[in-house]
Amino acid sequence: MALTSPLAAIALVCVISIFFKHILMKRRKLPLPPGPRRLPIIGNALSIPTRRIAQVYREMSVQYGDLVYLESFGQPLLVIGTHETALDLLEKRSAKYADKVHSTMASLAGWDWVLPIMPYGPWWRRSRKAFHEFFNPGAIVLYRPIQLECSQRILSRLVRDPQHFPEHIRHCIGSGIMRITYGIDIENETIPYMAIAAETMATFAAVFVPGKYLVETFPILRFLPSWLPGARFKREGKEWTRIVRRLRDTPWNATAAAMRDGNAPPSIIMSMLERTSGLEGQALAEETTIARDTASSAYAGGADTLFSTTMSFFLAMASYPEVQKRAQVELDAVVGPHRLPNFDDQPSLPYIAAIIRECIRWRIVVPLGIMHHSMEDDEYRGYHIPKGTLVIPNAWAMTRDTRHYPDPEEFKPERYLKDGKLNPEVLDPGDFGFGYGRRGCPGRDFSEAALFSFMSHVLHTLKIGPPLDVDGKPLPLDVGMTDGGILALPEPFECTIAPRSAEAEALIFGSS
């Protein structure tokens, strides 16, 4: 009885809460958007997918339209199926949909400080302003030398050890972010920063699995004692908090120590901390916290997303040799055989830009987009959207919208070109891939610059092909994406990597 009494009390509170929510919803004057029939109390809880989530929601959009309304134990949920409708609600009415989706499990796991998870309010605005200051289009020009150097470094590693190309890609991405944000060159460090980051990002993937944790539906469960049966999530959250804080604090402490010793190289952290020199007390504590969390948010927001898009690039190049060849013809004409690409070449490389866009679309990294939370009641197309609705812009469905992308399963960079230039009439997948409104990713320009640097270097010097059998014949590549989490990555695959010419080999080892 001692164990069941708290559970019974919590269950009763949950049922009463759902009942009163249902009564309030019945008083509305406008209809809710269309969607599957809801059952008493549980609503559509049995219909909400936990696998193939974006695909199932798209099937619902085909049946009900580009607005699909569901409920799960009183929690309203709205799935948006087209870019145009997402623009109407999340961009044009961004003030109503600026809040983030509260995740109780994210808070228990120590992720509540990171920018994409932070609730809308003064602290979020200060944090986003700080992030934007160092990642806006003007600021990221300062990081180009580091991005180019990291792209050069990886080439020789890919040639010498092609079978471990995913590890080399992770190292390249992580190295660039660490140098830019903290001034730490992991090539010269004994601290296993990449291992720390990998362990931490694994907790992020585990936390944000829709439907995995009952505490997300019933937040009151967070008050259960961690020793109670069924409260394993509390024990996991405690351990994950320790891991997450290690990512947040370890590089921060190293940079702070280097600054005290007077041997810290330039970095975002150095710039932010130098501005706090005249502050003290609460003001100093707040600005220091924002600086620390901004740097960690840069890694948490960029590492896995860039890795996923880059892996999709390798998969596409191994699967579509004609695309790779056309890109190399463009690079040969613009760059020539005696140097590596740089950002001055970027305006003259529209096909490379088209490849980047197609990589973002073809295997979208965040299939459900960046979710929003309605901050007040709203009316749209004669429908009532309740305050507190979880709004999901189904980015994967947008990538398969044949009005914008005919033959969407194929990798076709040429769809973005007209008369040898980028066609502004074709929807840029980054416009929905990086999110909408005030919840849009402020690191978009930085990410696209990193992708240009990496992809142009690889295409200019290397030939990527499918794996070969024992007789040297190409094997088919049928690679899916990981399923069920907030981020999607290509499943493991193999490919061949080699210098595309003697001149390219000289560039590779001359630059390493």
Protein backbone atom coordinates (compact mmCIF):
# COMPACT_ATOMS: atom_id res chain seq x y z
CA MET A 1 0.00 0.00 0.00
CA ALA A 2 2.91 2.34 0.77
CA LEU A 3 4.09 2.09 -2.82
CA THR A 4 0.73 2.27 -4.54
CA SER A 5 -0.71 5.26 -2.65
CA PRO A 6 1.57 7.88 -4.28
CA LEU A 7 0.98 6.33 -7.70
CA ALA A 8 -2.78 6.28 -7.18
CA ALA A 9 -2.78 9.91 -6.09
CA ILE A 10 -0.72 10.95 -9.10
CA ALA A 11 -2.97 8.96 -11.44
CA LEU A 12 -6.05 10.64 -9.96
CA VAL A 13 -4.54 14.11 -10.43
CA CYS A 14 -3.73 13.27 -14.07
CA VAL A 15 -7.27 12.05 -14.80
CA ILE A 16 -8.85 15.13 -13.17
CA SER A 17 -6.53 17.42 -15.14
CA ILE A 18 -7.46 15.74 -18.42
CA PHE A 19 -11.18 15.93 -17.53
CA PHE A 20 -11.11 19.69 -16.90
CA LYS A 21 -9.06 20.29 -20.05
CA HIS A 22 -11.71 18.36 -21.98
CA ILE A 23 -14.51 20.49 -20.47
CA LEU A 24 -12.72 23.73 -21.39
CA MET A 25 -12.11 22.51 -24.94
CA LYS A 26 -15.82 21.69 -25.36
CA ARG A 27 -16.68 25.38 -24.75
CA ARG A 28 -14.82 26.60 -27.82
CA LYS A 29 -16.84 28.27 -30.57
CA LEU A 30 -14.71 27.23 -33.55
CA PRO A 31 -13.99 23.66 -34.66
CA LEU A 32 -10.60 22.08 -34.19
CA PRO A 33 -8.56 21.20 -37.29
CA PRO A 34 -9.36 17.79 -38.80
CA GLY A 35 -7.69 14.65 -37.53
CA PRO A 36 -8.25 11.07 -36.40
CA ARG A 37 -11.19 10.35 -34.09
CA ARG A 38 -10.28 10.84 -30.44
CA LEU A 39 -11.14 8.42 -27.63
CA PRO A 40 -12.25 9.58 -24.16
CA ILE A 41 -9.41 10.49 -21.77
CA ILE A 42 -6.55 9.11 -23.90
CA GLY A 43 -7.50 10.98 -27.09
CA ASN A 44 -5.25 9.82 -29.96
CA ALA A 45 -2.55 8.36 -27.71
CA LEU A 46 -2.81 5.00 -29.48
CA SER A 47 -2.52 6.64 -32.92
CA ILE A 48 0.57 8.75 -32.26
CA PRO A 49 3.51 6.97 -33.90
CA THR A 50 6.81 6.12 -32.26
CA ARG A 51 8.42 4.68 -35.42
CA ARG A 52 8.46 6.16 -38.94
CA ILE A 53 7.00 9.21 -37.22
CA ALA A 54 7.38 11.75 -40.01
CA GLN A 55 6.16 9.27 -42.62
CA VAL A 56 3.06 8.34 -40.61
CA TYR A 57 2.23 12.00 -40.03
CA ARG A 58 2.58 12.63 -43.75
CA GLU A 59 0.09 9.82 -44.42
CA MET A 60 -2.29 11.57 -42.02
CA SER A 61 -1.79 14.83 -43.93
CA VAL A 62 -2.71 13.08 -47.17
CA GLN A 63 -5.94 11.93 -45.52
CA TYR A 64 -6.89 15.01 -43.46
CA GLY A 65 -5.05 17.93 -45.07
CA ASP A 66 -1.99 20.00 -44.22
CA LEU A 67 -3.30 20.66 -40.70
CA VAL A 68 -3.79 17.52 -38.60
CA TYR A 69 -5.00 17.81 -35.01
CA LEU A 70 -4.42 15.12 -32.39
CA GLU A 71 -4.56 14.87 -28.60
CA SER A 72 -2.72 12.63 -26.18
CA PHE A 73 -4.09 12.57 -22.64
CA GLY A 74 -5.27 16.15 -23.00
CA GLN A 75 -2.13 17.47 -24.73
CA PRO A 76 -3.10 19.06 -28.09
CA LEU A 77 -0.80 18.43 -31.04
CA LEU A 78 -0.89 20.02 -34.50
CA VAL A 79 1.04 18.57 -37.44
CA ILE A 80 1.76 20.95 -40.33
CA GLY A 81 2.31 19.20 -43.64
CA THR A 82 3.37 22.00 -46.02
CA HIS A 83 5.94 24.78 -46.04
CA GLU A 84 3.35 27.40 -46.95
CA THR A 85 1.18 26.68 -43.91
CA ALA A 86 4.23 26.56 -41.65
CA LEU A 87 5.21 30.02 -42.93
CA ASP A 88 1.73 31.36 -42.16
CA LEU A 89 1.74 30.15 -38.57
CA LEU A 90 5.37 29.99 -37.46
CA GLU A 91 6.84 32.96 -39.36
CA LYS A 92 3.99 35.44 -39.86
CA ARG A 93 2.55 34.72 -36.41
CA SER A 94 5.85 33.96 -34.72
CA ALA A 95 4.91 35.93 -31.59
CA LYS A 96 2.17 33.37 -30.89
CA TYR A 97 4.32 30.32 -31.57
CA ALA A 98 7.74 31.37 -30.24
CA ASP A 99 7.78 29.09 -27.21
CA LYS A 100 9.64 25.82 -27.25
CA VAL A 101 8.14 22.46 -26.38
CA HIS A 102 8.75 21.84 -22.70
CA SER A 103 10.48 18.51 -22.13
CA THR A 104 10.40 17.29 -18.56
CA MET A 105 12.89 14.56 -19.40
CA ALA A 106 15.29 17.08 -20.94
CA SER A 107 15.25 19.02 -17.67
CA LEU A 108 15.80 15.85 -15.63
CA ALA A 109 18.72 14.92 -17.92
CA GLY A 110 20.43 18.29 -17.54
CA TRP A 111 19.71 19.64 -21.03
CA ASP A 112 17.54 22.62 -20.02
CA TRP A 113 20.37 25.16 -20.48
CA VAL A 114 20.88 24.53 -24.21
CA LEU A 115 19.40 27.17 -26.54
CA PRO A 116 16.96 24.97 -28.54
CA ILE A 117 15.46 23.64 -25.28
CA MET A 118 15.19 26.94 -23.41
CA PRO A 119 11.66 28.37 -22.86
CA TYR A 120 10.80 31.67 -24.51
CA GLY A 121 11.47 34.64 -22.27
CA PRO A 122 14.10 37.23 -21.26
CA TRP A 123 16.83 34.66 -20.63
CA TRP A 124 16.21 32.97 -24.00
CA ARG A 125 16.31 36.36 -25.76
CA ARG A 126 19.63 37.24 -24.13
CA SER A 127 21.10 33.85 -24.99
CA ARG A 128 19.92 33.94 -28.59
CA LYS A 129 21.24 37.50 -29.00
CA ALA A 130 24.65 36.36 -27.76
CA PHE A 131 24.62 33.38 -30.11
CA HIS A 132 23.55 35.48 -33.09
CA GLU A 133 26.29 38.03 -32.42
CA PHE A 134 28.96 35.39 -33.05
CA PHE A 135 27.20 33.33 -35.72
CA ASN A 136 25.58 35.95 -37.97
CA PRO A 137 26.67 36.21 -41.64
CA GLY A 138 29.18 38.95 -40.89
CA ALA A 139 30.74 37.22 -37.90
CA ILE A 140 31.27 33.82 -39.52
CA VAL A 141 33.65 35.31 -42.10
CA LEU A 142 36.23 35.34 -39.29
CA TYR A 143 35.97 31.56 -38.96
CA ARG A 144 36.64 30.75 -42.61
CA PRO A 145 40.39 30.10 -42.19
CA ILE A 146 39.68 27.48 -39.51
CA GLN A 147 36.93 25.86 -41.59
CA LEU A 148 39.25 25.64 -44.61
CA GLU A 149 42.10 24.26 -42.52
CA CYS A 150 39.89 21.55 -41.00
CA SER A 151 38.68 20.61 -44.49
CA GLN A 152 42.28 20.33 -45.68
CA ARG A 153 43.34 18.21 -42.71
CA ILE A 154 40.73 15.54 -43.25
CA LEU A 155 41.72 14.79 -46.87
CA SER A 156 44.89 12.85 -46.05
CA ARG A 157 43.08 10.93 -43.31
CA LEU A 158 40.36 9.87 -45.72
CA VAL A 159 42.97 8.60 -48.20
CA ARG A 160 45.13 6.79 -45.63
CA ASP A 161 42.25 5.23 -43.70
CA PRO A 162 39.09 5.30 -45.84
CA GLN A 163 37.25 2.54 -43.97
CA HIS A 164 36.94 4.78 -40.92
CA PHE A 165 35.62 7.79 -42.83
CA PRO A 166 32.72 8.42 -40.37
CA GLU A 167 35.19 8.86 -37.51
CA HIS A 168 37.29 11.24 -39.61
CA ILE A 169 34.20 13.30 -40.43
CA ARG A 170 33.18 13.55 -36.77
CA HIS A 171 36.72 14.58 -35.86
CA CYS A 172 36.79 17.24 -38.59
CA ILE A 173 33.46 18.77 -37.53
CA GLY A 174 34.22 18.64 -33.83
CA SER A 175 37.70 20.06 -34.31
CA GLY A 176 36.38 23.09 -36.16
CA ILE A 177 33.69 23.88 -33.61
CA MET A 178 36.09 23.46 -30.68
CA ARG A 179 38.69 25.79 -32.17
CA ILE A 180 36.16 28.46 -33.07
CA THR A 181 34.22 28.43 -29.81
CA TYR A 182 36.90 27.55 -27.26
CA GLY A 183 40.22 28.10 -29.04
CA ILE A 184 41.06 24.44 -28.33
CA ASP A 185 42.93 22.49 -31.01
CA ILE A 186 42.10 18.88 -30.21
CA GLU A 187 45.07 17.72 -32.29
CA ASN A 188 47.33 18.89 -29.46
CA GLU A 189 45.15 17.91 -26.49
CA THR A 190 45.25 14.91 -24.17
CA ILE A 191 41.69 15.44 -22.91
CA PRO A 192 39.35 13.16 -24.95
CA TYR A 193 37.02 15.93 -26.06
CA MET A 194 35.55 13.91 -28.94
CA ALA A 195 34.75 10.96 -26.68
CA ILE A 196 33.12 13.29 -24.16
CA ALA A 197 31.06 14.88 -26.93
CA ALA A 198 29.99 11.54 -28.40
CA GLU A 199 28.82 10.24 -25.01
CA THR A 200 26.93 13.46 -24.35
CA MET A 201 25.18 13.57 -27.72
CA ALA A 202 24.09 9.96 -27.18
CA THR A 203 22.13 11.16 -24.14
CA PHE A 204 20.52 13.86 -26.30
CA ALA A 205 19.37 11.23 -28.79
CA ALA A 206 18.03 9.04 -25.97
CA VAL A 207 16.07 11.83 -24.28
CA PHE A 208 14.22 13.06 -27.36
CA VAL A 209 12.50 9.86 -28.48
CA PRO A 210 8.77 10.64 -28.84
CA GLY A 211 6.60 8.45 -26.64
CA LYS A 212 9.52 6.88 -24.78
CA TYR A 213 8.94 8.56 -21.41
CA LEU A 214 5.55 8.70 -19.70
CA VAL A 215 6.79 11.68 -17.67
CA GLU A 216 6.51 13.80 -20.83
CA THR A 217 2.75 13.19 -20.86
CA PHE A 218 2.36 13.38 -17.08
CA PRO A 219 5.04 15.79 -15.77
CA ILE A 220 3.85 15.21 -12.20
CA LEU A 221 5.66 11.86 -12.36
CA ARG A 222 8.94 13.75 -11.99
CA PHE A 223 8.22 13.91 -8.26
CA LEU A 224 8.39 10.14 -7.87
CA PRO A 225 11.32 8.91 -5.75
CA SER A 226 14.09 7.53 -7.96
CA TRP A 227 14.09 4.19 -6.10
CA LEU A 228 10.43 3.53 -6.90
CA PRO A 229 9.66 0.82 -9.49
CA GLY A 230 8.85 2.55 -12.77
CA ALA A 231 11.04 5.55 -11.93
CA ARG A 232 14.05 4.39 -13.90
CA PHE A 233 13.82 7.65 -15.87
CA LYS A 234 14.82 9.51 -12.69
CA ARG A 235 17.96 7.40 -12.33
CA GLU A 236 18.80 7.83 -16.01
CA GLY A 237 18.28 11.58 -15.74
CA LYS A 238 20.70 11.85 -12.82
CA GLU A 239 23.45 9.95 -14.67
CA TRP A 240 22.88 11.88 -17.91
CA THR A 241 23.06 15.19 -16.06
CA ARG A 242 26.57 14.25 -14.94
CA ILE A 243 27.56 13.43 -18.54
CA VAL A 244 26.00 16.59 -19.99
CA ARG A 245 27.70 18.82 -17.45
CA ARG A 246 31.04 17.32 -18.40
CA LEU A 247 30.58 18.50 -21.99
CA ARG A 248 29.45 21.92 -20.81
CA ASP A 249 32.17 22.42 -18.20
CA THR A 250 35.33 20.61 -19.40
CA PRO A 251 36.26 22.77 -22.42
CA TRP A 252 34.96 25.86 -20.64
CA ASN A 253 37.28 25.28 -17.69
CA ALA A 254 40.22 24.62 -20.02
CA THR A 255 39.70 27.90 -21.88
CA ALA A 256 39.22 29.86 -18.67
CA ALA A 257 42.46 28.41 -17.30
CA ALA A 258 44.34 29.27 -20.50
CA MET A 259 43.04 32.85 -20.28
CA ARG A 260 44.25 33.14 -16.69
CA ASP A 261 47.67 31.89 -17.79
CA GLY A 262 47.73 34.34 -20.69
CA ASN A 263 48.16 31.72 -23.44
CA ALA A 264 44.62 31.30 -24.77
CA PRO A 265 44.24 31.67 -28.56
CA PRO A 266 41.38 33.82 -29.92
CA SER A 267 37.93 32.27 -29.59
CA ILE A 268 34.29 33.13 -29.08
CA ILE A 269 34.64 32.42 -25.37
CA MET A 270 37.59 34.77 -25.07
CA SER A 271 35.65 37.57 -26.77
CA MET A 272 32.64 37.05 -24.51
CA LEU A 273 34.63 36.86 -21.30
CA GLU A 274 36.73 39.92 -22.09
CA ARG A 275 33.49 41.92 -22.11
CA THR A 276 32.72 40.90 -18.54
CA SER A 277 35.88 42.46 -17.10
CA GLY A 278 34.01 45.45 -15.67
CA LEU A 279 31.13 43.45 -14.21
CA GLU A 280 30.68 41.98 -10.77
CA GLY A 281 28.10 40.19 -8.66
CA GLN A 282 24.88 39.01 -10.29
CA ALA A 283 25.63 40.74 -13.61
CA LEU A 284 28.98 38.94 -13.89
CA ALA A 285 27.45 35.59 -12.97
CA GLU A 286 24.70 35.93 -15.59
CA GLU A 287 27.01 36.99 -18.43
CA THR A 288 29.45 34.21 -17.57
CA THR A 289 26.65 31.65 -17.63
CA ILE A 290 25.42 32.92 -21.00
CA ALA A 291 28.95 32.70 -22.43
CA ARG A 292 29.42 29.15 -21.17
CA ASP A 293 26.04 27.95 -22.39
CA THR A 294 26.35 29.68 -25.77
CA ALA A 295 29.58 27.84 -26.51
CA SER A 296 28.14 24.48 -25.47
CA SER A 297 24.97 25.15 -27.49
CA ALA A 298 27.13 25.67 -30.58
CA TYR A 299 28.57 22.18 -30.22
CA ALA A 300 25.30 20.51 -29.22
CA GLY A 301 23.43 22.18 -32.07
CA GLY A 302 26.02 21.66 -34.78
CA ALA A 303 27.98 18.46 -34.25
CA ASP A 304 25.44 15.74 -35.06
CA THR A 305 23.46 17.78 -37.60
CA LEU A 306 26.57 18.57 -39.67
CA PHE A 307 27.74 14.97 -39.33
CA SER A 308 24.43 13.62 -40.62
CA THR A 309 24.35 15.93 -43.66
CA THR A 310 27.98 15.14 -44.49
CA MET A 311 27.34 11.40 -44.27
CA SER A 312 24.39 11.86 -46.64
CA PHE A 313 26.78 13.67 -48.99
CA PHE A 314 29.14 10.67 -49.05
CA LEU A 315 26.20 8.33 -49.63
CA ALA A 316 24.93 10.48 -52.50
CA MET A 317 28.34 10.73 -54.17
CA ALA A 318 28.83 6.95 -53.93
CA SER A 319 25.34 6.35 -55.36
CA TYR A 320 25.23 9.04 -58.08
CA PRO A 321 28.60 9.13 -59.90
CA GLU A 322 27.25 11.45 -62.58
CA VAL A 323 26.55 14.11 -59.94
CA GLN A 324 30.08 13.77 -58.60
CA LYS A 325 31.55 14.06 -62.09
CA ARG A 326 29.57 17.18 -62.94
CA ALA A 327 30.68 18.83 -59.69
CA GLN A 328 34.30 18.03 -60.46
CA VAL A 329 34.02 19.50 -63.94
CA GLU A 330 32.76 22.73 -62.38
CA LEU A 331 35.57 22.75 -59.81
CA ASP A 332 38.22 22.06 -62.45
CA ALA A 333 36.98 25.01 -64.52
CA VAL A 334 36.83 27.46 -61.60
CA VAL A 335 39.61 26.33 -59.26
CA GLY A 336 42.02 24.47 -61.53
CA PRO A 337 44.37 21.60 -60.59
CA HIS A 338 47.02 23.48 -58.60
CA ARG A 339 45.14 24.71 -55.51
CA LEU A 340 42.26 23.90 -53.20
CA PRO A 341 38.90 25.73 -53.25
CA ASN A 342 38.27 28.71 -51.00
CA PHE A 343 35.34 30.97 -50.21
CA ASP A 344 36.26 33.39 -53.01
CA ASP A 345 35.29 30.60 -55.42
CA GLN A 346 31.86 30.07 -53.88
CA PRO A 347 29.87 32.49 -56.11
CA SER A 348 31.24 30.71 -59.20
CA LEU A 349 30.26 27.22 -58.00
CA PRO A 350 26.45 27.04 -58.28
CA TYR A 351 26.42 23.27 -58.75
CA ILE A 352 28.26 22.80 -55.44
CA ALA A 353 25.62 25.04 -53.82
CA ALA A 354 22.92 22.89 -55.41
CA ILE A 355 24.53 19.72 -54.01
CA ILE A 356 24.49 21.24 -50.52
CA ARG A 357 20.79 22.06 -50.84
CA GLU A 358 19.98 18.60 -52.13
CA CYS A 359 21.91 16.94 -49.29
CA ILE A 360 19.85 18.95 -46.80
CA ARG A 361 16.60 17.90 -48.53
CA TRP A 362 17.31 14.31 -49.59
CA ARG A 363 18.07 13.01 -46.10
CA ILE A 364 16.71 15.71 -43.80
CA VAL A 365 18.45 15.70 -40.42
CA VAL A 366 15.49 16.79 -38.25
CA PRO A 367 12.51 15.04 -39.88
CA LEU A 368 9.89 16.63 -37.62
CA GLY A 369 11.46 20.07 -37.86
CA ILE A 370 12.03 22.33 -34.89
CA MET A 371 8.89 22.02 -32.80
CA HIS A 372 6.98 24.99 -31.41
CA HIS A 373 4.48 25.61 -28.63
CA SER A 374 1.52 27.96 -29.00
CA MET A 375 1.56 30.70 -26.36
CA GLU A 376 -2.10 31.71 -26.76
CA ASP A 377 -5.30 30.61 -28.45
CA ASP A 378 -5.29 31.22 -32.20
CA GLU A 379 -7.66 31.05 -35.15
CA TYR A 380 -6.51 29.89 -38.58
CA ARG A 381 -8.68 29.10 -41.61
CA GLY A 382 -11.72 29.00 -39.35
CA TYR A 383 -10.13 26.48 -36.99
CA HIS A 384 -9.35 26.90 -33.31
CA ILE A 385 -5.76 26.19 -32.24
CA PRO A 386 -5.67 25.96 -28.42
CA LYS A 387 -3.05 27.59 -26.25
CA GLY A 388 -0.39 25.07 -25.28
CA THR A 389 -0.57 23.14 -28.56
CA LEU A 390 2.57 21.29 -29.59
CA VAL A 391 3.15 22.33 -33.23
CA ILE A 392 5.16 19.99 -35.47
CA PRO A 393 6.27 21.32 -38.88
CA ASN A 394 6.78 17.98 -40.65
CA ALA A 395 10.01 18.82 -42.48
CA TRP A 396 10.30 15.35 -43.99
CA ALA A 397 6.88 15.74 -45.61
CA MET A 398 8.04 19.05 -47.07
CA THR A 399 11.08 17.36 -48.62
CA ARG A 400 8.70 14.98 -50.43
CA ASP A 401 6.30 17.69 -51.66
CA THR A 402 6.20 17.05 -55.40
CA ARG A 403 4.96 20.59 -56.07
CA HIS A 404 8.45 21.74 -55.13
CA TYR A 405 10.55 18.62 -55.73
CA PRO A 406 9.42 16.30 -58.55
CA ASP A 407 10.80 12.77 -58.20
CA PRO A 408 11.69 13.48 -54.56
CA GLU A 409 13.40 10.17 -53.74
CA GLU A 410 16.13 10.84 -56.31
CA PHE A 411 19.21 12.95 -55.62
CA LYS A 412 19.01 15.71 -58.25
CA PRO A 413 21.00 18.90 -57.56
CA GLU A 414 20.02 20.22 -60.98
CA ARG A 415 16.49 20.82 -59.68
CA TYR A 416 17.81 24.02 -58.05
CA LEU A 417 19.46 25.41 -61.20
CA LYS A 418 18.24 27.41 -64.17
CA ASP A 419 20.50 28.77 -66.90
CA GLY A 420 23.57 27.82 -64.87
CA LYS A 421 22.49 29.72 -61.76
CA LEU A 422 20.58 28.93 -58.59
CA ASN A 423 16.88 29.26 -59.34
CA PRO A 424 15.18 31.43 -56.67
CA GLU A 425 11.80 29.99 -57.68
CA VAL A 426 12.75 26.56 -56.27
CA LEU A 427 12.24 26.27 -52.53
CA ASP A 428 15.54 26.17 -50.65
CA PRO A 429 15.27 23.20 -48.23
CA GLY A 430 17.21 25.21 -45.68
CA ASP A 431 14.16 27.45 -45.34
CA PHE A 432 12.36 24.66 -43.49
CA GLY A 433 15.31 22.44 -42.57
CA PHE A 434 16.72 25.06 -40.19
CA GLY A 435 13.37 25.91 -38.64
CA TYR A 436 10.92 28.81 -38.62
CA GLY A 437 10.48 32.13 -36.89
CA ARG A 438 12.08 32.84 -33.54
CA ARG A 439 12.77 29.14 -33.09
CA GLY A 440 14.78 28.92 -36.31
CA CYS A 441 18.38 27.75 -36.01
CA PRO A 442 20.68 30.80 -35.62
CA GLY A 443 23.63 28.69 -36.79
CA ARG A 444 22.38 28.24 -40.35
CA ASP A 445 24.97 30.48 -42.03
CA PHE A 446 27.81 28.86 -40.08
CA SER A 447 26.59 25.37 -40.99
CA GLU A 448 26.21 26.12 -44.69
CA ALA A 449 29.71 27.65 -44.78
CA ALA A 450 31.14 24.52 -43.12
CA LEU A 451 29.34 22.30 -45.65
CA PHE A 452 30.68 24.33 -48.58
CA SER A 453 34.25 24.16 -47.30
CA PHE A 454 34.11 20.42 -46.65
CA MET A 455 32.24 19.31 -49.77
CA SER A 456 34.22 21.47 -52.19
CA HIS A 457 37.52 20.14 -50.80
CA VAL A 458 36.40 16.51 -50.97
CA LEU A 459 34.97 16.79 -54.49
CA HIS A 460 38.02 18.64 -55.80
CA THR A 461 40.50 16.01 -54.63
CA LEU A 462 38.76 12.67 -54.06
CA LYS A 463 36.73 10.09 -55.90
CA ILE A 464 33.99 8.46 -53.85
CA GLY A 465 32.51 5.18 -55.04
CA PRO A 466 30.28 2.34 -53.86
CA PRO A 467 31.76 -0.60 -51.94
CA LEU A 468 33.20 -3.45 -54.01
CA ASP A 469 32.75 -7.21 -53.74
CA VAL A 470 35.64 -9.71 -53.77
CA ASP A 471 35.74 -9.52 -57.56
CA GLY A 472 35.97 -5.74 -57.56
CA LYS A 473 32.39 -5.22 -58.74
CA PRO A 474 30.26 -2.40 -57.25
CA LEU A 475 27.78 -3.40 -54.58
CA PRO A 476 24.36 -1.71 -54.40
CA LEU A 477 23.83 0.87 -51.68
CA ASP A 478 20.44 0.62 -49.98
CA VAL A 479 20.87 2.74 -46.87
CA GLY A 480 18.06 3.88 -44.60
CA MET A 481 17.99 6.50 -41.87
CA THR A 482 17.92 5.96 -38.13
CA ASP A 483 14.38 6.07 -36.84
CA GLY A 484 12.50 7.20 -33.76
CA GLY A 485 14.61 10.09 -32.47
CA ILE A 486 14.66 13.84 -32.96
CA LEU A 487 17.69 13.54 -35.29
CA ALA A 488 18.04 11.16 -38.23
CA LEU A 489 21.39 9.87 -39.48
CA PRO A 490 22.21 7.54 -42.37
CA GLU A 491 22.59 3.97 -41.20
CA PRO A 492 26.19 2.65 -41.39
CA PHE A 493 27.47 2.05 -44.91
CA GLU A 494 30.74 1.53 -46.74
CA CYS A 495 32.25 3.33 -49.71
CA THR A 496 35.55 3.62 -51.54
CA ILE A 497 37.68 6.76 -51.29
CA ALA A 498 40.80 7.56 -53.31
CA PRO A 499 42.58 10.56 -54.86
CA ARG A 500 40.95 11.42 -58.18
CA SER A 501 44.29 12.24 -59.90
CA ALA A 502 48.03 12.60 -59.32
CA GLU A 503 47.58 16.37 -59.10
CA ALA A 504 44.86 15.89 -56.50
CA GLU A 505 47.09 13.57 -54.48
CA ALA A 506 49.80 16.22 -54.46
CA LEU A 507 47.28 18.77 -53.17
CA ILE A 508 46.09 16.38 -50.46
CA PHE A 509 49.47 15.59 -49.00
CA GLY A 510 50.88 19.01 -49.68
CA SER A 511 48.09 20.57 -47.60
CA SER A 512 48.12 18.08 -44.73
